[in-house]
């Protein structure tokens, strides 16, 4: 590899970018990751807080038995925790009676069944159509939608939701999901703190203009979040309006976390769970003592998270404090303090957490993933039809884009330069 010239430039060093770069390296293709952040991982990010690794971005190995990051984590020497997640432990739900917990689980199962029965022949509609009219658990179902889609059900495509593939197995990496992804890219060629500003495709070879100078390449793999592609039509020269429009149909939902310290943790069962207020959609979910640690992992989603981001970490803490005091009494305020937080909507290199398709826009996933001129390829969770919103969806699309690039490079090798 020479300065300013490489076979493939990968824009973005998240799960998709790392997966693509590893695939290219193994095939003997010179590739460089161009990453605007000063770290790898993208929307996966493990930080040390209170003496423990915590994930401010993705934290669960969804569809864990087929998730490639499971084997990667173990190969790196990390520990995969295979215990049931708190939402699958009936005894861990605080604030609901046994009868209420049973009724809620039944309402959730009926909602999921209706979404699974949505046939290909039906016209798309908002996922809120799967709610029971005036159902007593509808507010909590809306809240949960903001945790897994990052958006309220009215904004989410029913078709997209029905397409999501989940085997129901959810595990965690004790050392951190974000750390696993960053470690997987640790020995790859990377330009950190280097933002890609434009892909000029007017020449025989591509020129990627970056904040650290131009890079000439035979192919480019774009792994940017859909929100950034939608917001930057100038990224491509000449413009690619079909990509901008496809990305706009796949907005990023918002799911933010706040970690709290917890004094006297032994008064709670490890891996307990609570909702702040099960009667409203604008509520947080509380994962108490994850891995048995003296902390609370708080989940905020959708419009609630977006509104709280305007006030920064303090606004998130004040909201959580009010809900926890409402659950456990005024004295609980002395037992908690903010520990770690990140606002993904305010993050200039993310602009949100993970994608959902707007009603009528499910075809945008394939449109965004489609290659351009057999030399600009696309990857990332938003490009996945069935594993969107996940790090393993990003991984699989990264590998697929790398394979496309390898095939294209072999086809054009005699005339590239």
Foldseek 3Di string as FASTA:
>chain_A
DDPQEFAEEEEAQALLSLLLLVLCVVVVGTYEYEHQAQAHHFQWDWDQWPNFTDTFFDWKCFLVVPQPLNVLCVVVVWDKAQDDAQLVDLVQEPPADSVRSVVLVVQVVQLLVVLLPDDPPDAKAFSCVSHDVVDQQVQLVQLVCFAQQLAGRRFFISPLVNQADGPNGMIGTRRGSSVSSRVSRVPGHYDYSKHFQAWEPPDLWIWTQIPVGIHTHNFYEYAAQLVVLLVRQRRYVVGDVLLNVLSVQWDARAKKKWKKAFPPLVVHDAQHKYWLDSRHSQIKIWGRCHVPHRMIIIIGGHPNLVVQVVVPPVSVVVRVLVSVCVRPNDVRSVGIDTIDIDGQCPPPRHNHRWIGGGTPSLCSLCSNQDADPLGYGYAYLSNASHHTSDSSRRSVSSSVRSVSNVVSCVVCVVPSD
